[in-house]
Amino acid sequence: MGKYSSIIIFDPVPAKMRDYCKISKELKSDGGNVAGVLCALAPEEKKKVEALVSSYVRPLSERDINKVISEPVGLIKSDAMLYCYEDWNPEQPVDARGMSDGTLRFIAIVVALLAVAPHSLLLIEEVDNGLHPSRAKELVDMLKDLSRQRQVDVLCTTHNPVLLDELGNKMIPFVSYVTRDENGDSHVNLLEEKENLTKLMASGTIGRMMVNDKI
């Protein structure tokens, strides 16, 4: 694994996050037990992590969420469920079954970044899947903030030009794109090594380059 302490492929599945899950210290690769991982934390740590998760989720406009928590459920409290509170009805909790796919995936990614060991590599496919395009900035800001704080490298795939634009020109050295040759073989290319990149950037953004089939 070289410089990485671990490599994690993470692909959160909102449908699985809507179910009750066992309380557990190990986060599953599909994010289905996010609630259980939060509930496994010591009380004070749980409160701090939930507050941090809430601070990143709050700017999402989908349901005006102001707080995200996880609570034990069942007679012996061995299972857990994810809940949120919304501005328009702050006294009434909404469980994960009432949250959108985009919100659940966003929560799962935040928790994953907080849960993985420092110096890990976290791989997230279609990182913005289910999230409204207008929230691309919040997603990019969160990934930058938490990866820096946690000393975790994040490798994401996307087909969203809006998300690419939010990365900005400073991130060009970290952007790759995939092409196919005449034999149908795929090749990963560094964007900064693309021929005529300066000229292409003068006429548009990274996202526009993708839309115009330049990358």
C-alpha atoms as a PDB file:
ATOM      1  CA  MET A   1       0.000   0.000   0.000  1.00  0.00           C
ATOM      2  CA  GLY A   2       3.036   2.274   0.038  1.00  0.00           C
ATOM      3  CA  LYS A   3       2.488   5.491   1.944  1.00  0.00           C
ATOM      4  CA  TYR A   4      -1.134   4.677   2.896  1.00  0.00           C
ATOM      5  CA  SER A   5      -2.119   3.016   6.163  1.00  0.00           C
ATOM      6  CA  SER A   6      -5.244   1.695   4.433  1.00  0.00           C
ATOM      7  CA  ILE A   7      -7.181   2.008   1.169  1.00  0.00           C
ATOM      8  CA  ILE A   8     -10.972   2.143   1.468  1.00  0.00           C
ATOM      9  CA  ILE A   9     -13.453   1.918  -1.400  1.00  0.00           C
ATOM     10  CA  PHE A  10     -16.582   3.700  -0.202  1.00  0.00           C
ATOM     11  CA  ASP A  11     -19.858   3.688  -2.123  1.00  0.00           C
ATOM     12  CA  PRO A  12     -22.719   4.746   0.176  1.00  0.00           C
ATOM     13  CA  VAL A  13     -26.108   3.222  -0.632  1.00  0.00           C
ATOM     14  CA  PRO A  14     -28.943   5.427   0.723  1.00  0.00           C
ATOM     15  CA  ALA A  15     -31.469   2.569   0.656  1.00  0.00           C
ATOM     16  CA  LYS A  16     -29.353   0.654   3.179  1.00  0.00           C
ATOM     17  CA  MET A  17     -28.878   3.733   5.346  1.00  0.00           C
ATOM     18  CA  ARG A  18     -32.648   3.975   5.779  1.00  0.00           C
ATOM     19  CA  ASP A  19     -32.819   0.653   7.636  1.00  0.00           C
ATOM     20  CA  TYR A  20     -32.105   0.031  11.294  1.00  0.00           C
ATOM     21  CA  CYS A  21     -28.545  -1.216  11.770  1.00  0.00           C
ATOM     22  CA  LYS A  22     -26.475  -2.869  14.465  1.00  0.00           C
ATOM     23  CA  ILE A  23     -24.317  -0.654  16.647  1.00  0.00           C
ATOM     24  CA  SER A  24     -20.781  -1.230  15.406  1.00  0.00           C
ATOM     25  CA  LYS A  25     -17.356   0.424  15.446  1.00  0.00           C
ATOM     26  CA  GLU A  26     -16.528  -0.582  11.852  1.00  0.00           C
ATOM     27  CA  LEU A  27     -18.070   1.437   9.000  1.00  0.00           C
ATOM     28  CA  LYS A  28     -19.305  -0.716   6.115  1.00  0.00           C
ATOM     29  CA  SER A  29     -18.248   0.119   2.558  1.00  0.00           C
ATOM     30  CA  ASP A  30     -21.882   0.854   1.616  1.00  0.00           C
ATOM     31  CA  GLY A  31     -22.399   3.221   4.566  1.00  0.00           C
ATOM     32  CA  GLY A  32     -25.386   1.178   5.673  1.00  0.00           C
ATOM     33  CA  ASN A  33     -24.368   1.304   9.330  1.00  0.00           C
ATOM     34  CA  VAL A  34     -23.511   5.008   9.673  1.00  0.00           C
ATOM     35  CA  ALA A  35     -26.057   5.318  12.487  1.00  0.00           C
ATOM     36  CA  GLY A  36     -24.518   2.329  14.274  1.00  0.00           C
ATOM     37  CA  VAL A  37     -21.001   3.749  14.027  1.00  0.00           C
ATOM     38  CA  LEU A  38     -22.123   7.065  15.525  1.00  0.00           C
ATOM     39  CA  CYS A  39     -23.916   5.274  18.358  1.00  0.00           C
ATOM     40  CA  ALA A  40     -20.798   3.224  19.131  1.00  0.00           C
ATOM     41  CA  LEU A  41     -18.869   6.372  20.074  1.00  0.00           C
ATOM     42  CA  ALA A  42     -18.422   7.434  23.692  1.00  0.00           C
ATOM     43  CA  PRO A  43     -21.157   9.944  24.681  1.00  0.00           C
ATOM     44  CA  GLU A  44     -18.995  13.082  24.572  1.00  0.00           C
ATOM     45  CA  GLU A  45     -17.252  12.040  21.360  1.00  0.00           C
ATOM     46  CA  LYS A  46     -20.616  11.171  19.802  1.00  0.00           C
ATOM     47  CA  LYS A  47     -21.935  14.621  20.623  1.00  0.00           C
ATOM     48  CA  LYS A  48     -18.874  16.295  19.070  1.00  0.00           C
ATOM     49  CA  VAL A  49     -19.000  14.199  15.898  1.00  0.00           C
ATOM     50  CA  GLU A  50     -22.748  14.738  15.444  1.00  0.00           C
ATOM     51  CA  ALA A  51     -22.242  18.492  15.844  1.00  0.00           C
ATOM     52  CA  LEU A  52     -19.505  18.411  13.203  1.00  0.00           C
ATOM     53  CA  VAL A  53     -21.639  16.341  10.811  1.00  0.00           C
ATOM     54  CA  SER A  54     -24.525  18.759  11.368  1.00  0.00           C
ATOM     55  CA  SER A  55     -22.318  21.760  10.609  1.00  0.00           C
ATOM     56  CA  TYR A  56     -21.485  20.351   7.164  1.00  0.00           C
ATOM     57  CA  VAL A  57     -25.032  19.193   6.395  1.00  0.00           C
ATOM     58  CA  ARG A  58     -26.677  22.459   7.481  1.00  0.00           C
ATOM     59  CA  PRO A  59     -25.808  24.447   4.301  1.00  0.00           C
ATOM     60  CA  LEU A  60     -27.607  21.876   2.141  1.00  0.00           C
ATOM     61  CA  SER A  61     -30.865  23.468   1.040  1.00  0.00           C
ATOM     62  CA  GLU A  62     -32.844  20.298   0.398  1.00  0.00           C
ATOM     63  CA  ARG A  63     -34.752  20.084   3.680  1.00  0.00           C
ATOM     64  CA  ASP A  64     -33.333  22.898   5.847  1.00  0.00           C
ATOM     65  CA  ILE A  65     -31.671  20.439   8.204  1.00  0.00           C
ATOM     66  CA  ASN A  66     -30.128  21.983  11.308  1.00  0.00           C
ATOM     67  CA  LYS A  67     -29.146  18.885  13.288  1.00  0.00           C
ATOM     68  CA  VAL A  68     -28.186  15.267  12.584  1.00  0.00           C
ATOM     69  CA  ILE A  69     -28.101  12.637  15.325  1.00  0.00           C
ATOM     70  CA  SER A  70     -28.107   8.879  15.771  1.00  0.00           C
ATOM     71  CA  GLU A  71     -30.037   7.107  18.510  1.00  0.00           C
ATOM     72  CA  PRO A  72     -30.190   3.524  19.828  1.00  0.00           C
ATOM     73  CA  VAL A  73     -33.527   1.828  19.173  1.00  0.00           C
ATOM     74  CA  GLY A  74     -35.253  -1.383  20.212  1.00  0.00           C
ATOM     75  CA  LEU A  75     -35.868  -3.026  23.558  1.00  0.00           C
ATOM     76  CA  ILE A  76     -32.208  -3.832  24.212  1.00  0.00           C
ATOM     77  CA  LYS A  77     -30.848  -0.802  22.335  1.00  0.00           C
ATOM     78  CA  SER A  78     -28.609  -2.899  20.084  1.00  0.00           C
ATOM     79  CA  ASP A  79     -29.731  -1.207  16.860  1.00  0.00           C
ATOM     80  CA  ALA A  80     -29.498   2.400  15.714  1.00  0.00           C
ATOM     81  CA  MET A  81     -31.313   4.858  13.440  1.00  0.00           C
ATOM     82  CA  LEU A  82     -30.244   8.156  11.899  1.00  0.00           C
ATOM     83  CA  TYR A  83     -32.419  11.225  12.597  1.00  0.00           C
ATOM     84  CA  CYS A  84     -32.421  14.878  11.627  1.00  0.00           C
ATOM     85  CA  TYR A  85     -34.225  18.006  12.823  1.00  0.00           C
ATOM     86  CA  GLU A  86     -35.446  20.609  10.340  1.00  0.00           C
ATOM     87  CA  ASP A  87     -35.856  24.357  10.751  1.00  0.00           C
ATOM     88  CA  TRP A  88     -39.524  24.412   9.809  1.00  0.00           C
ATOM     89  CA  ASN A  89     -40.475  21.882  12.533  1.00  0.00           C
ATOM     90  CA  PRO A  90     -37.612  21.816  15.069  1.00  0.00           C
ATOM     91  CA  GLU A  91     -39.460  19.682  17.630  1.00  0.00           C
ATOM     92  CA  GLN A  92     -40.254  16.812  15.263  1.00  0.00           C
ATOM     93  CA  PRO A  93     -37.382  14.466  14.344  1.00  0.00           C
ATOM     94  CA  VAL A  94     -37.263  12.911  10.879  1.00  0.00           C
ATOM     95  CA  ASP A  95     -35.647   9.490  10.569  1.00  0.00           C
ATOM     96  CA  ALA A  96     -33.456   8.362   7.677  1.00  0.00           C
ATOM     97  CA  ARG A  97     -36.489   7.082   5.765  1.00  0.00           C
ATOM     98  CA  GLY A  98     -37.545  10.709   5.265  1.00  0.00           C
ATOM     99  CA  MET A  99     -34.147  11.978   4.078  1.00  0.00           C
ATOM    100  CA  SER A 100     -33.147  12.354   0.426  1.00  0.00           C
ATOM    101  CA  ASP A 101     -30.550  10.147  -1.247  1.00  0.00           C
ATOM    102  CA  GLY A 102     -28.212  13.111  -1.665  1.00  0.00           C
ATOM    103  CA  THR A 103     -28.400  14.081   2.004  1.00  0.00           C
ATOM    104  CA  LEU A 104     -27.777  10.514   3.169  1.00  0.00           C
ATOM    105  CA  ARG A 105     -24.788  10.073   0.852  1.00  0.00           C
ATOM    106  CA  PHE A 106     -23.374  13.414   2.017  1.00  0.00           C
ATOM    107  CA  ILE A 107     -23.738  12.372   5.680  1.00  0.00           C
ATOM    108  CA  ALA A 108     -22.096   9.013   4.951  1.00  0.00           C
ATOM    109  CA  ILE A 109     -19.109  10.659   3.256  1.00  0.00           C
ATOM    110  CA  VAL A 110     -18.618  13.051   6.186  1.00  0.00           C
ATOM    111  CA  VAL A 111     -18.735  10.150   8.658  1.00  0.00           C
ATOM    112  CA  ALA A 112     -16.349   8.102   6.507  1.00  0.00           C
ATOM    113  CA  LEU A 113     -13.803  10.930   6.478  1.00  0.00           C
ATOM    114  CA  LEU A 114     -14.077  11.176  10.260  1.00  0.00           C
ATOM    115  CA  ALA A 115     -13.882   7.399  10.760  1.00  0.00           C
ATOM    116  CA  VAL A 116     -10.941   6.340   8.579  1.00  0.00           C
ATOM    117  CA  ALA A 117      -7.431   6.305   9.985  1.00  0.00           C
ATOM    118  CA  PRO A 118      -5.076   9.179   9.170  1.00  0.00           C
ATOM    119  CA  HIS A 119      -2.903   8.652   6.073  1.00  0.00           C
ATOM    120  CA  SER A 120      -5.596   6.505   4.444  1.00  0.00           C
ATOM    121  CA  LEU A 121      -6.813   6.711   0.851  1.00  0.00           C
ATOM    122  CA  LEU A 122     -10.597   6.986   0.541  1.00  0.00           C
ATOM    123  CA  LEU A 123     -12.036   6.137  -2.896  1.00  0.00           C
ATOM    124  CA  ILE A 124     -15.555   7.457  -3.610  1.00  0.00           C
ATOM    125  CA  GLU A 125     -17.276   6.700  -6.912  1.00  0.00           C
ATOM    126  CA  GLU A 126     -19.670   9.347  -8.311  1.00  0.00           C
ATOM    127  CA  VAL A 127     -19.133  11.434  -5.188  1.00  0.00           C
ATOM    128  CA  ASP A 128     -21.948  13.903  -5.988  1.00  0.00           C
ATOM    129  CA  ASN A 129     -24.556  11.279  -6.885  1.00  0.00           C
ATOM    130  CA  GLY A 130     -28.028  12.345  -5.694  1.00  0.00           C
ATOM    131  CA  LEU A 131     -26.883  15.780  -4.544  1.00  0.00           C
ATOM    132  CA  HIS A 132     -28.428  18.875  -6.115  1.00  0.00           C
ATOM    133  CA  PRO A 133     -25.934  20.553  -8.513  1.00  0.00           C
ATOM    134  CA  SER A 134     -26.269  23.826  -6.594  1.00  0.00           C
ATOM    135  CA  ARG A 135     -24.644  22.119  -3.590  1.00  0.00           C
ATOM    136  CA  ALA A 136     -21.404  21.287  -5.419  1.00  0.00           C
ATOM    137  CA  LYS A 137     -19.505  24.025  -3.561  1.00  0.00           C
ATOM    138  CA  GLU A 138     -20.551  22.649  -0.161  1.00  0.00           C
ATOM    139  CA  LEU A 139     -19.415  19.176  -1.213  1.00  0.00           C
ATOM    140  CA  VAL A 140     -16.023  20.366  -2.470  1.00  0.00           C
ATOM    141  CA  ASP A 141     -15.455  22.545   0.613  1.00  0.00           C
ATOM    142  CA  MET A 142     -16.296  19.640   2.913  1.00  0.00           C
ATOM    143  CA  LEU A 143     -13.954  17.244   1.098  1.00  0.00           C
ATOM    144  CA  LYS A 144     -11.102  19.760   1.224  1.00  0.00           C
ATOM    145  CA  ASP A 145     -11.658  20.659   4.891  1.00  0.00           C
ATOM    146  CA  LEU A 146     -12.003  17.166   6.308  1.00  0.00           C
ATOM    147  CA  SER A 147      -9.326  15.528   4.163  1.00  0.00           C
ATOM    148  CA  ARG A 148      -6.877  18.218   5.317  1.00  0.00           C
ATOM    149  CA  GLN A 149      -7.903  17.961   8.973  1.00  0.00           C
ATOM    150  CA  ARG A 150      -7.839  14.165   9.004  1.00  0.00           C
ATOM    151  CA  GLN A 151      -4.751  13.794   6.774  1.00  0.00           C
ATOM    152  CA  VAL A 152      -6.695  11.564   4.401  1.00  0.00           C
ATOM    153  CA  ASP A 153      -6.300  11.501   0.628  1.00  0.00           C
ATOM    154  CA  VAL A 154      -9.588  11.352  -1.282  1.00  0.00           C
ATOM    155  CA  LEU A 155      -9.950  10.001  -4.822  1.00  0.00           C
ATOM    156  CA  CYS A 156     -13.356  10.723  -6.388  1.00  0.00           C
ATOM    157  CA  THR A 157     -15.009  10.086  -9.739  1.00  0.00           C
ATOM    158  CA  THR A 158     -17.696  12.336 -11.230  1.00  0.00           C
ATOM    159  CA  HIS A 159     -19.499  13.122 -14.470  1.00  0.00           C
ATOM    160  CA  ASN A 160     -20.719  16.478 -13.151  1.00  0.00           C
ATOM    161  CA  PRO A 161     -19.284  19.576 -14.905  1.00  0.00           C
ATOM    162  CA  VAL A 162     -20.572  21.814 -12.100  1.00  0.00           C
ATOM    163  CA  LEU A 163     -18.492  19.902  -9.573  1.00  0.00           C
ATOM    164  CA  LEU A 164     -15.416  20.161 -11.795  1.00  0.00           C
ATOM    165  CA  ASP A 165     -15.894  23.920 -12.033  1.00  0.00           C
ATOM    166  CA  GLU A 166     -16.065  24.198  -8.243  1.00  0.00           C
ATOM    167  CA  LEU A 167     -12.621  22.619  -7.976  1.00  0.00           C
ATOM    168  CA  GLY A 168     -11.079  25.704  -9.579  1.00  0.00           C
ATOM    169  CA  ASN A 169      -7.852  26.048 -11.539  1.00  0.00           C
ATOM    170  CA  LYS A 170      -5.637  25.430  -8.503  1.00  0.00           C
ATOM    171  CA  MET A 171      -6.856  21.825  -8.447  1.00  0.00           C
ATOM    172  CA  ILE A 172      -5.879  21.121 -12.076  1.00  0.00           C
ATOM    173  CA  PRO A 173      -2.727  19.179 -11.007  1.00  0.00           C
ATOM    174  CA  PHE A 174      -5.024  16.813  -9.098  1.00  0.00           C
ATOM    175  CA  VAL A 175      -7.559  16.206 -11.892  1.00  0.00           C
ATOM    176  CA  SER A 176      -7.377  13.206 -14.226  1.00  0.00           C
ATOM    177  CA  TYR A 177      -9.672  12.153 -17.048  1.00  0.00           C
ATOM    178  CA  VAL A 178     -10.251   8.852 -18.830  1.00  0.00           C
ATOM    179  CA  THR A 179     -10.038   8.275 -22.585  1.00  0.00           C
ATOM    180  CA  ARG A 180     -10.370   5.216 -24.809  1.00  0.00           C
ATOM    181  CA  ASP A 181      -8.088   4.306 -27.677  1.00  0.00           C
ATOM    182  CA  GLU A 182      -9.019   2.694 -30.993  1.00  0.00           C
ATOM    183  CA  ASN A 183      -8.866  -0.751 -29.346  1.00  0.00           C
ATOM    184  CA  GLY A 184     -11.366   0.229 -26.670  1.00  0.00           C
ATOM    185  CA  ASP A 185      -8.771   0.269 -23.898  1.00  0.00           C
ATOM    186  CA  SER A 186      -9.174   2.922 -21.200  1.00  0.00           C
ATOM    187  CA  HIS A 187      -6.360   5.283 -20.229  1.00  0.00           C
ATOM    188  CA  VAL A 188      -6.098   7.641 -17.257  1.00  0.00           C
ATOM    189  CA  ASN A 189      -4.591  11.001 -18.215  1.00  0.00           C
ATOM    190  CA  LEU A 190      -3.403  13.918 -16.090  1.00  0.00           C
ATOM    191  CA  LEU A 191      -5.293  17.078 -17.018  1.00  0.00           C
ATOM    192  CA  GLU A 192      -2.224  19.277 -16.519  1.00  0.00           C
ATOM    193  CA  GLU A 193      -0.402  17.279 -19.223  1.00  0.00           C
ATOM    194  CA  LYS A 194      -3.096  17.780 -21.843  1.00  0.00           C
ATOM    195  CA  GLU A 195      -1.898  19.403 -25.049  1.00  0.00           C
ATOM    196  CA  ASN A 196      -3.089  22.992 -25.524  1.00  0.00           C
ATOM    197  CA  LEU A 197      -4.510  23.093 -21.980  1.00  0.00           C
ATOM    198  CA  THR A 198      -3.763  26.808 -21.564  1.00  0.00           C
ATOM    199  CA  LYS A 199      -5.610  27.617 -24.783  1.00  0.00           C
ATOM    200  CA  LEU A 200      -8.560  25.426 -23.798  1.00  0.00           C
ATOM    201  CA  MET A 201      -8.760  27.018 -20.342  1.00  0.00           C
ATOM    202  CA  ALA A 202      -8.759  30.490 -21.905  1.00  0.00           C
ATOM    203  CA  SER A 203     -12.024  29.648 -23.657  1.00  0.00           C
ATOM    204  CA  GLY A 204     -13.814  27.980 -20.763  1.00  0.00           C
ATOM    205  CA  THR A 205     -13.771  26.139 -17.445  1.00  0.00           C
ATOM    206  CA  ILE A 206     -12.862  22.516 -16.698  1.00  0.00           C
ATOM    207  CA  GLY A 207     -16.551  21.641 -16.670  1.00  0.00           C
ATOM    208  CA  ARG A 208     -17.132  23.302 -20.031  1.00  0.00           C
ATOM    209  CA  MET A 209     -14.177  21.404 -21.467  1.00  0.00           C
ATOM    210  CA  MET A 210     -15.867  18.171 -20.405  1.00  0.00           C
ATOM    211  CA  VAL A 211     -19.272  19.209 -21.794  1.00  0.00           C
ATOM    212  CA  ASN A 212     -17.615  20.135 -25.105  1.00  0.00           C
ATOM    213  CA  ASP A 213     -15.883  16.727 -25.199  1.00  0.00           C
ATOM    214  CA  LYS A 214     -12.403  18.255 -24.938  1.00  0.00           C
ATOM    215  CA  ILE A 215     -11.504  15.924 -22.083  1.00  0.00           C
END
